[in-house]
Amino acid sequence: MKRLLALICAALSALGLAACEELDPYRALRPGSSTAEEVRARLGPPQREWPDAQEGTTTWEYSHQPEGAECYMLTFAADGVLIAVDQVLNEARFARIQPGMDEEAVSRLLGRPARNEFFALKQERVWSWRIERGSTIVEPTFFTVSFDTAGRVVATGRYTQPRP
């Protein structure tokens, strides 16, 4: 999907059209100069806000789950200026999920999941994030985190959803 978006943007820029910001509104955000007010006007309210009193920052979550394969975390300094834009559904973030972590820590790293299911026989809750949209040839792929009944990570994995 990102390749298709990049191709469309390249074609439009070759034609002198500035429509890429409409296709990917995160491209217009400028760490160091965009403000929280500007971001809220462009993207609307975040699904969640994650304050970090120790750092003096606040991170806003913009998840595209369950249909999209992205979750953006936008971090603002105490003065409301954007300092980082991160698409968090990536291998580096997945590697940070460790056994024993609690649900809130996982949510903070990956955002809200596309699915939240409980499997009674295993006594496990499994959260799934769509990480690849798929196409007519390739089925969508999901990253999963399994929690025990105390809400602690016991395993991570991946699966591909077969097309009906």
Protein backbone atom coordinates (compact mmCIF):
# COMPACT_ATOMS: atom_id res chain seq x y z
CA MET A 1 0.00 0.00 0.00
CA LYS A 2 2.84 2.40 0.82
CA ARG A 3 4.42 1.67 -2.55
CA LEU A 4 1.16 2.46 -4.31
CA LEU A 5 0.82 5.71 -2.36
CA ALA A 6 4.41 6.68 -3.18
CA LEU A 7 3.82 5.92 -6.86
CA ILE A 8 0.65 8.02 -6.93
CA CYS A 9 2.42 10.90 -5.16
CA ALA A 10 5.34 10.73 -7.59
CA ALA A 11 2.97 10.82 -10.56
CA LEU A 12 1.01 13.73 -9.12
CA SER A 13 4.13 15.72 -8.28
CA ALA A 14 5.38 15.15 -11.82
CA LEU A 15 2.15 16.78 -12.95
CA GLY A 16 2.67 19.62 -10.48
CA LEU A 17 -0.28 18.62 -8.29
CA ALA A 18 -0.03 18.79 -4.50
CA ALA A 19 -2.61 16.13 -3.68
CA CYS A 20 -0.26 13.88 -1.71
CA GLU A 21 -1.02 15.72 1.51
CA GLU A 22 -4.65 14.78 1.02
CA LEU A 23 -3.73 11.12 0.42
CA ASP A 24 -1.34 11.03 3.40
CA PRO A 25 -2.10 13.85 5.85
CA TYR A 26 0.86 12.85 8.05
CA ARG A 27 3.29 14.02 5.35
CA ALA A 28 2.25 17.63 5.94
CA LEU A 29 3.13 17.52 9.64
CA ARG A 30 6.45 19.17 10.50
CA PRO A 31 8.20 18.19 13.74
CA GLY A 32 9.66 21.31 15.28
CA SER A 33 7.03 23.65 13.85
CA SER A 34 3.56 22.02 13.63
CA THR A 35 1.45 22.69 16.73
CA ALA A 36 -1.13 20.58 18.54
CA GLU A 37 -3.85 22.96 17.32
CA GLU A 38 -2.77 22.52 13.69
CA VAL A 39 -2.62 18.75 14.06
CA ARG A 40 -6.08 18.59 15.66
CA ALA A 41 -7.49 20.79 12.86
CA ARG A 42 -5.95 18.53 10.18
CA LEU A 43 -6.51 15.07 11.74
CA GLY A 44 -9.27 15.58 14.29
CA PRO A 45 -9.06 14.46 17.89
CA PRO A 46 -6.76 11.53 18.71
CA GLN A 47 -8.22 8.21 19.84
CA ARG A 48 -6.04 8.39 22.96
CA GLU A 49 -3.60 10.73 24.63
CA TRP A 50 -0.60 9.34 26.49
CA PRO A 51 0.94 11.91 28.90
CA ASP A 52 4.52 11.37 30.08
CA ALA A 53 5.00 13.54 33.16
CA GLN A 54 8.64 12.51 33.49
CA GLU A 55 9.51 13.68 29.96
CA GLY A 56 6.98 16.54 29.91
CA THR A 57 5.51 15.26 26.64
CA THR A 58 2.16 14.00 25.44
CA THR A 59 1.69 11.43 22.68
CA TRP A 60 -1.48 11.28 20.61
CA GLU A 61 -2.62 8.00 19.05
CA TYR A 62 -4.14 7.90 15.57
CA SER A 63 -4.88 4.26 14.80
CA HIS A 64 -6.12 3.14 11.39
CA GLN A 65 -7.10 -0.28 12.76
CA PRO A 66 -9.04 -2.47 12.02
CA GLU A 67 -9.03 -1.86 8.24
CA GLY A 68 -5.77 0.04 7.87
CA ALA A 69 -2.30 -1.29 8.60
CA GLU A 70 -0.97 1.77 10.42
CA CYS A 71 -1.00 3.40 13.82
CA TYR A 72 0.62 6.81 14.17
CA MET A 73 1.87 8.18 17.48
CA LEU A 74 2.46 11.93 17.45
CA THR A 75 4.53 13.30 20.32
CA PHE A 76 4.27 16.90 21.50
CA ALA A 77 6.55 18.89 23.78
CA ALA A 78 5.07 20.64 26.83
CA ASP A 79 4.64 23.82 24.75
CA GLY A 80 2.40 21.97 22.24
CA VAL A 81 4.93 21.77 19.40
CA LEU A 82 5.13 18.47 17.52
CA ILE A 83 8.44 16.71 18.11
CA ALA A 84 7.90 13.27 16.50
CA VAL A 85 5.62 11.37 14.10
CA ASP A 86 6.00 7.59 14.32
CA GLN A 87 4.18 4.81 12.48
CA VAL A 88 4.47 2.26 15.30
CA LEU A 89 3.36 -0.97 13.61
CA ASN A 90 6.88 -2.00 12.64
CA GLU A 91 9.46 -4.65 13.45
CA ALA A 92 11.36 -2.51 15.97
CA ARG A 93 8.22 -1.98 18.05
CA PHE A 94 7.16 -5.64 17.78
CA ALA A 95 10.58 -6.66 19.15
CA ARG A 96 9.97 -4.53 22.26
CA ILE A 97 6.98 -6.65 23.31
CA GLN A 98 8.30 -8.98 26.00
CA PRO A 99 6.74 -11.68 28.22
CA GLY A 100 5.40 -10.22 31.44
CA MET A 101 4.48 -6.80 30.02
CA ASP A 102 0.99 -5.59 30.91
CA GLU A 103 -1.80 -4.62 28.51
CA GLU A 104 -1.32 -0.88 29.04
CA ALA A 105 2.38 -1.06 28.14
CA VAL A 106 1.53 -2.97 24.95
CA SER A 107 -1.20 -0.44 24.07
CA ARG A 108 1.26 2.38 24.63
CA LEU A 109 3.72 0.81 22.18
CA LEU A 110 1.32 -0.38 19.44
CA GLY A 111 -1.97 1.46 19.90
CA ARG A 112 -5.39 -0.12 19.86
CA PRO A 113 -5.61 -3.53 18.23
CA ALA A 114 -7.81 -4.46 15.29
CA ARG A 115 -9.14 -7.45 17.24
CA ASN A 116 -9.46 -8.40 20.91
CA GLU A 117 -10.50 -12.03 21.41
CA PHE A 118 -10.68 -14.35 24.41
CA PHE A 119 -9.96 -18.06 23.95
CA ALA A 120 -11.61 -19.95 26.83
CA LEU A 121 -9.79 -23.26 26.37
CA LYS A 122 -6.36 -21.63 26.56
CA GLN A 123 -7.51 -18.97 29.03
CA GLU A 124 -5.78 -16.34 26.89
CA ARG A 125 -6.76 -12.98 25.47
CA VAL A 126 -5.26 -12.29 22.04
CA TRP A 127 -4.89 -8.84 20.53
CA SER A 128 -4.24 -8.59 16.78
CA TRP A 129 -2.99 -5.68 14.67
CA ARG A 130 -3.29 -5.69 10.88
CA ILE A 131 0.23 -5.07 9.63
CA GLU A 132 -0.24 -5.66 5.91
CA ARG A 133 -3.38 -4.85 3.99
CA GLY A 134 -2.97 -7.59 1.46
CA SER A 135 -4.37 -7.60 -2.05
CA THR A 136 -6.29 -9.97 -4.23
CA ILE A 137 -3.18 -12.16 -4.31
CA VAL A 138 -1.87 -11.82 -0.75
CA GLU A 139 -4.07 -12.15 2.32
CA PRO A 140 -3.82 -9.58 5.14
CA THR A 141 -1.22 -10.31 7.82
CA PHE A 142 -1.62 -9.66 11.56
CA PHE A 143 0.80 -9.31 14.49
CA THR A 144 -0.60 -10.89 17.68
CA VAL A 145 0.05 -10.56 21.39
CA SER A 146 -1.33 -13.18 23.79
CA PHE A 147 -2.09 -12.30 27.42
CA ASP A 148 -2.80 -14.57 30.39
CA THR A 149 -5.80 -13.99 32.66
CA ALA A 150 -3.73 -11.52 34.74
CA GLY A 151 -3.24 -9.35 31.63
CA ARG A 152 0.46 -10.19 31.14
CA VAL A 153 2.10 -11.00 27.80
CA VAL A 154 2.79 -14.70 27.33
CA ALA A 155 3.58 -14.80 23.59
CA THR A 156 3.62 -12.90 20.30
CA GLY A 157 3.08 -14.21 16.80
CA ARG A 158 1.76 -13.58 13.31
CA TYR A 159 -0.91 -15.04 11.12
CA THR A 160 -2.25 -14.53 7.66
CA GLN A 161 -6.00 -14.37 7.23
CA PRO A 162 -7.16 -16.57 4.37
CA ARG A 163 -9.48 -14.97 1.86
CA PRO A 164 -13.06 -16.35 1.92
